PDB file of N, CA and C in Angstrom:
ATOM      1  N   UNK A   1       0.897  -1.124  -0.013  1.00  0.00           N
ATOM      2  CA  UNK A   1       0.091   0.114   0.029  1.00  0.00           C
ATOM      3  C   UNK A   1       0.947   1.213  -0.039  1.00  0.00           C
ATOM      4  N   UNK A   2       1.739   1.135   0.732  1.00  0.00           N
ATOM      5  CA  UNK A   2       2.697   2.605   1.002  1.00  0.00           C
ATOM      6  C   UNK A   2       3.427   2.874  -0.333  1.00  0.00           C
ATOM      7  N   UNK A   3       3.876   1.893  -1.018  1.00  0.00           N
ATOM      8  CA  UNK A   3       4.509   1.998  -2.482  1.00  0.00           C
ATOM      9  C   UNK A   3       3.787   2.765  -3.240  1.00  0.00           C
ATOM     10  N   UNK A   4       2.593   1.988  -3.535  1.00  0.00           N
ATOM     11  CA  UNK A   4       1.760   2.515  -4.477  1.00  0.00           C
ATOM     12  C   UNK A   4       0.968   3.835  -4.288  1.00  0.00           C
ATOM     13  N   UNK A   5       0.482   4.064  -3.070  1.00  0.00           N
ATOM     14  CA  UNK A   5       0.053   5.213  -2.709  1.00  0.00           C
ATOM     15  C   UNK A   5       1.109   6.355  -2.638  1.00  0.00           C
ATOM     16  N   UNK A   6       2.182   6.097  -2.291  1.00  0.00           N
ATOM     17  CA  UNK A   6       3.422   6.961  -2.405  1.00  0.00           C
ATOM     18  C   UNK A   6       3.681   7.615  -3.702  1.00  0.00           C
ATOM     19  N   UNK A   7       3.848   6.523  -4.506  1.00  0.00           N
ATOM     20  CA  UNK A   7       4.035   6.804  -6.147  1.00  0.00           C
ATOM     21  C   UNK A   7       2.935   7.670  -6.513  1.00  0.00           C
ATOM     22  N   UNK A   8       1.600   7.492  -6.327  1.00  0.00           N
ATOM     23  CA  UNK A   8       0.410   8.114  -6.756  1.00  0.00           C
ATOM     24  C   UNK A   8       0.495   9.583  -6.233  1.00  0.00           C
ATOM     25  N   UNK A   9       0.934   9.627  -4.967  1.00  0.00           N
ATOM     26  CA  UNK A   9       0.891  11.092  -4.502  1.00  0.00           C
ATOM     27  C   UNK A   9       1.963  11.893  -5.062  1.00  0.00           C
ATOM     28  N   UNK A  10       3.020  11.071  -5.306  1.00  0.00           N
ATOM     29  CA  UNK A  10       4.229  11.926  -5.722  1.00  0.00           C
ATOM     30  C   UNK A  10       3.813  12.240  -7.190  1.00  0.00           C
ATOM     31  N   UNK A  11       3.255  11.385  -7.990  1.00  0.00           N
ATOM     32  CA  UNK A  11       3.142  11.592  -9.610  1.00  0.00           C
ATOM     33  C   UNK A  11       2.059  12.853  -9.553  1.00  0.00           C
ATOM     34  N   UNK A  12       1.182  12.862  -8.353  1.00  0.00           N
ATOM     35  CA  UNK A  12       0.367  13.937  -8.440  1.00  0.00           C
ATOM     36  C   UNK A  12       0.893  15.299  -8.037  1.00  0.00           C
ATOM     37  N   UNK A  13       2.172  15.308  -7.869  1.00  0.00           N
ATOM     38  CA  UNK A  13       2.912  16.526  -7.276  1.00  0.00           C
ATOM     39  C   UNK A  13       2.994  17.077  -5.905  1.00  0.00           C
ATOM     40  N   UNK A  14       2.610  15.929  -4.994  1.00  0.00           N
ATOM     41  CA  UNK A  14       2.810  16.139  -3.514  1.00  0.00           C
ATOM     42  C   UNK A  14       4.274  15.801  -3.331  1.00  0.00           C
ATOM     43  N   UNK A  15       4.655  16.422  -2.467  1.00  0.00           N
ATOM     44  CA  UNK A  15       6.181  16.229  -1.810  1.00  0.00           C
ATOM     45  C   UNK A  15       6.214  15.124  -0.613  1.00  0.00           C
ATOM     46  N   UNK A  16       6.786  14.185  -0.770  1.00  0.00           N
ATOM     47  CA  UNK A  16       6.744  13.012   0.153  1.00  0.00           C
ATOM     48  C   UNK A  16       8.263  13.280   0.939  1.00  0.00           C
ATOM     49  N   UNK A  17       8.241  13.805   2.191  1.00  0.00           N
ATOM     50  CA  UNK A  17       9.359  14.446   2.865  1.00  0.00           C
ATOM     51  C   UNK A  17      10.288  12.958   3.350  1.00  0.00           C
ATOM     52  N   UNK A  18       9.509  12.323   4.179  1.00  0.00           N
ATOM     53  CA  UNK A  18      10.054  11.327   4.824  1.00  0.00           C
ATOM     54  C   UNK A  18       9.372   9.921   4.675  1.00  0.00           C
ATOM     55  N   UNK A  19      10.195   8.707   5.040  1.00  0.00           N
ATOM     56  CA  UNK A  19       9.386   7.447   4.875  1.00  0.00           C
ATOM     57  C   UNK A  19      10.043   6.861   6.066  1.00  0.00           C
ATOM     58  N   UNK A  20       9.310   5.942   6.822  1.00  0.00           N
ATOM     59  CA  UNK A  20       9.566   5.169   8.012  1.00  0.00           C
ATOM     60  C   UNK A  20       8.944   3.775   7.858  1.00  0.00           C
ATOM     61  N   UNK A  21       9.730   2.991   8.285  1.00  0.00           N
ATOM     62  CA  UNK A  21       9.554   1.612   8.196  1.00  0.00           C
ATOM     63  C   UNK A  21      10.375   0.985   9.456  1.00  0.00           C
ATOM     64  N   UNK A  22       9.569  -0.166  10.208  1.00  0.00           N
ATOM     65  CA  UNK A  22      10.282  -0.930  11.232  1.00  0.00           C
ATOM     66  C   UNK A  22      11.645  -1.635  10.464  1.00  0.00           C
ATOM     67  N   UNK A  23      11.327  -1.835   9.018  1.00  0.00           N
ATOM     68  CA  UNK A  23      12.229  -2.708   8.353  1.00  0.00           C
ATOM     69  C   UNK A  23      13.225  -1.716   7.495  1.00  0.00           C
ATOM     70  N   UNK A  24      14.485  -1.292   8.020  1.00  0.00           N
ATOM     71  CA  UNK A  24      15.195  -0.259   7.428  1.00  0.00           C
ATOM     72  C   UNK A  24      15.396  -0.686   5.758  1.00  0.00           C
ATOM     73  N   UNK A  25      15.530  -1.943   5.385  1.00  0.00           N
ATOM     74  CA  UNK A  25      15.713  -2.060   4.047  1.00  0.00           C
ATOM     75  C   UNK A  25      14.608  -1.513   3.352  1.00  0.00           C
ATOM     76  N   UNK A  26      13.454  -2.054   3.638  1.00  0.00           N
ATOM     77  CA  UNK A  26      12.305  -1.458   3.045  1.00  0.00           C
ATOM     78  C   UNK A  26      11.921   0.002   2.875  1.00  0.00           C
ATOM     79  N   UNK A  27      12.252   0.910   4.229  1.00  0.00           N
ATOM     80  CA  UNK A  27      12.255   1.962   4.306  1.00  0.00           C
ATOM     81  C   UNK A  27      13.336   2.818   3.365  1.00  0.00           C
ATOM     82  N   UNK A  28      14.371   2.322   3.223  1.00  0.00           N
ATOM     83  CA  UNK A  28      15.598   2.561   2.163  1.00  0.00           C
ATOM     84  C   UNK A  28      15.144   2.887   0.989  1.00  0.00           C
ATOM     85  N   UNK A  29      14.409   1.647   0.626  1.00  0.00           N
ATOM     86  CA  UNK A  29      13.931   1.444  -0.819  1.00  0.00           C
ATOM     87  C   UNK A  29      12.970   2.254  -1.200  1.00  0.00           C
ATOM     88  N   UNK A  30      11.937   2.355  -0.387  1.00  0.00           N
ATOM     89  CA  UNK A  30      11.056   3.372  -0.436  1.00  0.00           C
ATOM     90  C   UNK A  30      11.118   4.929  -0.678  1.00  0.00           C
ATOM     91  N   UNK A  31      12.054   5.284   0.057  1.00  0.00           N
ATOM     92  CA  UNK A  31      12.349   6.749   0.470  1.00  0.00           C
ATOM     93  C   UNK A  31      13.347   6.875  -1.010  1.00  0.00           C
ATOM     94  N   UNK A  32      13.985   6.104  -1.546  1.00  0.00           N
ATOM     95  CA  UNK A  32      14.739   6.388  -2.767  1.00  0.00           C
ATOM     96  C   UNK A  32      13.677   6.182  -4.145  1.00  0.00           C
ATOM     97  N   UNK A  33      12.784   5.539  -3.960  1.00  0.00           N
ATOM     98  CA  UNK A  33      11.696   5.557  -5.144  1.00  0.00           C
ATOM     99  C   UNK A  33      11.222   6.918  -5.076  1.00  0.00           C
ATOM    100  N   UNK A  34      11.028   7.367  -3.740  1.00  0.00           N
ATOM    101  CA  UNK A  34      10.108   8.618  -3.726  1.00  0.00           C
ATOM    102  C   UNK A  34      10.905   9.956  -3.687  1.00  0.00           C
ATOM    103  N   UNK A  35      12.229   9.692  -3.643  1.00  0.00           N
ATOM    104  CA  UNK A  35      13.192  10.772  -3.391  1.00  0.00           C
ATOM    105  C   UNK A  35      12.940  11.476  -2.002  1.00  0.00           C
ATOM    106  N   UNK A  36      12.647  10.790  -0.942  1.00  0.00           N
ATOM    107  CA  UNK A  36      12.430  11.158   0.183  1.00  0.00           C
ATOM    108  C   UNK A  36      13.642  10.744   1.216  1.00  0.00           C
ATOM    109  N   UNK A  37      13.704  11.199   2.167  1.00  0.00           N
ATOM    110  CA  UNK A  37      14.489  10.932   3.436  1.00  0.00           C
ATOM    111  C   UNK A  37      13.846   9.803   4.179  1.00  0.00           C
ATOM    112  N   UNK A  38      14.832   8.811   4.717  1.00  0.00           N
ATOM    113  CA  UNK A  38      14.443   7.841   5.480  1.00  0.00           C
ATOM    114  C   UNK A  38      14.564   8.277   6.609  1.00  0.00           C
ATOM    115  N   UNK A  39      13.596   8.209   7.675  1.00  0.00           N
ATOM    116  CA  UNK A  39      13.539   8.308   8.890  1.00  0.00           C
ATOM    117  C   UNK A  39      14.177   7.119   9.591  1.00  0.00           C
ATOM    118  N   UNK A  40      15.095   7.275  10.545  1.00  0.00           N
ATOM    119  CA  UNK A  40      15.490   6.324  11.546  1.00  0.00           C
ATOM    120  C   UNK A  40      14.649   5.502  12.266  1.00  0.00           C
ATOM    121  N   UNK A  41      13.746   6.454  12.935  1.00  0.00           N
ATOM    122  CA  UNK A  41      12.689   6.144  13.846  1.00  0.00           C
ATOM    123  C   UNK A  41      11.493   7.185  13.789  1.00  0.00           C
ATOM    124  N   UNK A  42      10.430   6.653  14.600  1.00  0.00           N
ATOM    125  CA  UNK A  42       9.377   7.793  14.429  1.00  0.00           C
ATOM    126  C   UNK A  42       9.584   8.664  15.308  1.00  0.00           C
ATOM    127  N   UNK A  43      10.322   8.562  16.474  1.00  0.00           N
ATOM    128  CA  UNK A  43      10.772   9.930  17.106  1.00  0.00           C
ATOM    129  C   UNK A  43      11.796  10.863  16.434  1.00  0.00           C
ATOM    130  N   UNK A  44      12.453  10.386  15.293  1.00  0.00           N
ATOM    131  CA  UNK A  44      13.323  11.120  14.785  1.00  0.00           C
ATOM    132  C   UNK A  44      12.758  11.879  13.551  1.00  0.00           C
ATOM    133  N   UNK A  45      11.515  11.558  13.166  1.00  0.00           N
ATOM    134  CA  UNK A  45      10.678  12.220  12.136  1.00  0.00           C
ATOM    135  C   UNK A  45      10.565  13.640  12.231  1.00  0.00           C
ATOM    136  N   UNK A  46      10.628  14.472  11.030  1.00  0.00           N
ATOM    137  CA  UNK A  46      10.222  15.738  10.974  1.00  0.00           C
ATOM    138  C   UNK A  46       8.758  15.894  11.619  1.00  0.00           C
ATOM    139  N   UNK A  47       8.534  16.663  12.610  1.00  0.00           N
ATOM    140  CA  UNK A  47       7.119  16.856  13.329  1.00  0.00           C
ATOM    141  C   UNK A  47       6.178  17.754  12.680  1.00  0.00           C
ATOM    142  N   UNK A  48       6.936  18.627  11.694  1.00  0.00           N
ATOM    143  CA  UNK A  48       6.117  19.760  11.009  1.00  0.00           C
ATOM    144  C   UNK A  48       5.506  19.448   9.685  1.00  0.00           C
ATOM    145  N   UNK A  49       5.445  18.298   9.355  1.00  0.00           N
ATOM    146  CA  UNK A  49       4.878  17.920   8.167  1.00  0.00           C
ATOM    147  C   UNK A  49       3.210  18.246   7.917  1.00  0.00           C
ATOM    148  N   UNK A  50       2.624  18.262   6.880  1.00  0.00           N
ATOM    149  CA  UNK A  50       1.216  18.571   6.808  1.00  0.00           C
ATOM    150  C   UNK A  50       0.238  17.618   7.111  1.00  0.00           C
ATOM    151  N   UNK A  51       0.906  16.185   6.642  1.00  0.00           N
ATOM    152  CA  UNK A  51       0.086  14.975   6.880  1.00  0.00           C
ATOM    153  C   UNK A  51       1.042  13.682   7.108  1.00  0.00           C
ATOM    154  N   UNK A  52       0.588  12.858   8.041  1.00  0.00           N
ATOM    155  CA  UNK A  52       1.235  11.500   8.435  1.00  0.00           C
ATOM    156  C   UNK A  52       0.600  10.637   8.154  1.00  0.00           C
ATOM    157  N   UNK A  53       0.741   9.786   6.946  1.00  0.00           N
ATOM    158  CA  UNK A  53      -0.232   8.938   6.612  1.00  0.00           C
ATOM    159  C   UNK A  53       0.546   7.456   6.929  1.00  0.00           C
ATOM    160  N   UNK A  54      -0.233   6.694   7.655  1.00  0.00           N
ATOM    161  CA  UNK A  54       0.086   5.444   8.233  1.00  0.00           C
ATOM    162  C   UNK A  54      -0.412   4.323   7.521  1.00  0.00           C
ATOM    163  N   UNK A  55       0.522   3.952   6.598  1.00  0.00           N
ATOM    164  CA  UNK A  55       0.372   2.853   5.741  1.00  0.00           C
ATOM    165  C   UNK A  55       0.701   1.350   6.096  1.00  0.00           C
ATOM    166  N   UNK A  56       0.124   1.279   7.038  1.00  0.00           N
ATOM    167  CA  UNK A  56       0.476  -0.141   7.791  1.00  0.00           C
ATOM    168  C   UNK A  56      -0.264  -1.277   7.988  1.00  0.00           C
ATOM    169  N   UNK A  57      -0.341  -2.575   8.364  1.00  0.00           N
ATOM    170  CA  UNK A  57      -1.466  -3.566   8.593  1.00  0.00           C
ATOM    171  C   UNK A  57      -2.316  -2.929   9.790  1.00  0.00           C
ATOM    172  N   UNK A  58      -3.413  -3.266   9.447  1.00  0.00           N
ATOM    173  CA  UNK A  58      -4.434  -2.864  10.342  1.00  0.00           C
ATOM    174  C   UNK A  58      -4.358  -2.979  11.948  1.00  0.00           C
ATOM    175  N   UNK A  59      -3.616  -4.159  12.018  1.00  0.00           N
ATOM    176  CA  UNK A  59      -3.593  -4.744  13.356  1.00  0.00           C
ATOM    177  C   UNK A  59      -2.766  -3.952  14.213  1.00  0.00           C
ATOM    178  N   UNK A  60      -1.586  -3.153  13.643  1.00  0.00           N
ATOM    179  CA  UNK A  60      -0.679  -2.327  14.240  1.00  0.00           C
ATOM    180  C   UNK A  60      -0.982  -0.751  14.153  1.00  0.00           C
ATOM    181  N   UNK A  61      -2.006  -0.337  13.422  1.00  0.00           N
ATOM    182  CA  UNK A  61      -2.219   1.025  13.458  1.00  0.00           C
ATOM    183  C   UNK A  61      -2.280   1.741  14.653  1.00  0.00           C
ATOM    184  N   UNK A  62      -2.772   1.103  15.680  1.00  0.00           N
ATOM    185  CA  UNK A  62      -3.076   1.749  17.257  1.00  0.00           C
ATOM    186  C   UNK A  62      -1.770   1.862  17.664  1.00  0.00           C
ATOM    187  N   UNK A  63      -1.015   1.135  17.728  1.00  0.00           N
ATOM    188  CA  UNK A  63       0.327   1.085  18.465  1.00  0.00           C
ATOM    189  C   UNK A  63       1.266   1.956  17.689  1.00  0.00           C
ATOM    190  N   UNK A  64       1.392   1.941  16.204  1.00  0.00           N
ATOM    191  CA  UNK A  64       2.158   3.059  15.312  1.00  0.00           C
ATOM    192  C   UNK A  64       1.616   4.561  15.817  1.00  0.00           C
ATOM    193  N   UNK A  65       0.461   4.749  15.799  1.00  0.00           N
ATOM    194  CA  UNK A  65      -0.251   5.977  16.137  1.00  0.00           C
ATOM    195  C   UNK A  65       0.132   6.449  17.601  1.00  0.00           C
ATOM    196  N   UNK A  66       0.248   5.404  18.638  1.00  0.00           N
ATOM    197  CA  UNK A  66       0.717   5.734  19.975  1.00  0.00           C
ATOM    198  C   UNK A  66       2.131   6.023  19.961  1.00  0.00           C
ATOM    199  N   UNK A  67       3.053   5.399  19.259  1.00  0.00           N
ATOM    200  CA  UNK A  67       4.669   5.720  19.029  1.00  0.00           C
ATOM    201  C   UNK A  67       4.880   6.914  18.313  1.00  0.00           C
ATOM    202  N   UNK A  68       3.755   7.709  17.697  1.00  0.00           N
ATOM    203  CA  UNK A  68       4.350   8.767  16.894  1.00  0.00           C
ATOM    204  C   UNK A  68       4.308   9.899  17.913  1.00  0.00           C
ATOM    205  N   UNK A  69       5.684  10.619  17.794  1.00  0.00           N
ATOM    206  CA  UNK A  69       5.586  12.069  18.734  1.00  0.00           C
ATOM    207  C   UNK A  69       4.318  13.045  18.429  1.00  0.00           C
ATOM    208  N   UNK A  70       4.292  13.959  19.113  1.00  0.00           N
ATOM    209  CA  UNK A  70       3.381  15.113  19.098  1.00  0.00           C
ATOM    210  C   UNK A  70       3.882  15.869  17.518  1.00  0.00           C
ATOM    211  N   UNK A  71       2.889  15.594  16.653  1.00  0.00           N
ATOM    212  CA  UNK A  71       3.164  16.289  15.282  1.00  0.00           C
ATOM    213  C   UNK A  71       2.190  17.202  15.169  1.00  0.00           C
ATOM    214  N   UNK A  72       2.732  18.328  14.154  1.00  0.00           N
ATOM    215  CA  UNK A  72       1.863  19.485  13.923  1.00  0.00           C
ATOM    216  C   UNK A  72       0.810  19.191  12.749  1.00  0.00           C
ATOM    217  N   UNK A  73       0.817  17.982  12.093  1.00  0.00           N
ATOM    218  CA  UNK A  73      -0.034  18.008  10.905  1.00  0.00           C
ATOM    219  C   UNK A  73      -1.146  16.894  11.210  1.00  0.00           C
ATOM    220  N   UNK A  74      -1.918  16.478  10.192  1.00  0.00           N
ATOM    221  CA  UNK A  74      -3.034  15.520  10.357  1.00  0.00           C
ATOM    222  C   UNK A  74      -2.316  14.354  10.082  1.00  0.00           C
ATOM    223  N   UNK A  75      -2.723  13.233  11.270  1.00  0.00           N
ATOM    224  CA  UNK A  75      -2.427  11.689  11.246  1.00  0.00           C
ATOM    225  C   UNK A  75      -3.449  11.103  10.620  1.00  0.00           C
ATOM    226  N   UNK A  76      -3.471  10.309   9.454  1.00  0.00           N
ATOM    227  CA  UNK A  76      -4.331   9.478   8.961  1.00  0.00           C
ATOM    228  C   UNK A  76      -3.796   7.999   8.778  1.00  0.00           C
ATOM    229  N   UNK A  77      -4.715   7.203   8.458  1.00  0.00           N
ATOM    230  CA  UNK A  77      -4.307   5.849   8.046  1.00  0.00           C
ATOM    231  C   UNK A  77      -5.095   5.345   6.879  1.00  0.00           C
ATOM    232  N   UNK A  78      -4.657   4.378   6.239  1.00  0.00           N
ATOM    233  CA  UNK A  78      -5.381   3.634   5.223  1.00  0.00           C
ATOM    234  C   UNK A  78      -6.294   2.483   5.030  1.00  0.00           C
ATOM    235  N   UNK A  79      -6.503   2.407   6.390  1.00  0.00           N
ATOM    236  CA  UNK A  79      -7.544   1.348   6.748  1.00  0.00           C
ATOM    237  C   UNK A  79      -8.903   1.425   6.005  1.00  0.00           C
ATOM    238  N   UNK A  80      -9.678   0.825   5.834  1.00  0.00           N
ATOM    239  CA  UNK A  80     -10.841   1.021   5.361  1.00  0.00           C
ATOM    240  C   UNK A  80     -11.861   0.340   6.675  1.00  0.00           C
ATOM    241  N   UNK A  81     -11.134  -0.552   7.548  1.00  0.00           N
ATOM    242  CA  UNK A  81     -11.887  -1.225   8.572  1.00  0.00           C
ATOM    243  C   UNK A  81     -11.667  -0.725   9.967  1.00  0.00           C
ATOM    244  N   UNK A  82     -10.513   0.257   9.993  1.00  0.00           N
ATOM    245  CA  UNK A  82     -10.391   0.840  11.502  1.00  0.00           C
ATOM    246  C   UNK A  82     -10.843   2.246  11.426  1.00  0.00           C
ATOM    247  N   UNK A  83     -11.491   2.481  12.823  1.00  0.00           N
ATOM    248  CA  UNK A  83     -11.782   3.824  12.939  1.00  0.00           C
ATOM    249  C   UNK A  83     -10.938   4.807  12.925  1.00  0.00           C
ATOM    250  N   UNK A  84     -11.390   6.056  12.475  1.00  0.00           N
ATOM    251  CA  UNK A  84     -10.321   7.202  12.404  1.00  0.00           C
ATOM    252  C   UNK A  84      -9.852   7.444  13.850  1.00  0.00           C
ATOM    253  N   UNK A  85     -10.504   7.136  14.742  1.00  0.00           N
ATOM    254  CA  UNK A  85     -10.181   7.970  16.033  1.00  0.00           C
ATOM    255  C   UNK A  85      -8.796   6.888  16.469  1.00  0.00           C
ATOM    256  N   UNK A  86      -8.695   5.692  16.067  1.00  0.00           N
ATOM    257  CA  UNK A  86      -7.403   4.920  16.470  1.00  0.00           C
ATOM    258  C   UNK A  86      -6.063   5.781  16.139  1.00  0.00           C
TER     259      UNK A  86
END
């Protein structure tokens, strides 16, 4: 999901600033594809982006959202089955 959505957003002219994944190899690959920075951890991410999009497995959305530092932008996920409040 992250790869396809990231490519579509980049092709639409949006700037993808950073990519994070618990798997450093996947993060580096996607960051390179999107000409983005690879964040080493969630806490090291730029907190001033407009949008933080969680394109992760439904079962970990809550955990990942809880691990995000206080950010200035909108936090959203790509799940159709998980409430936005998570």
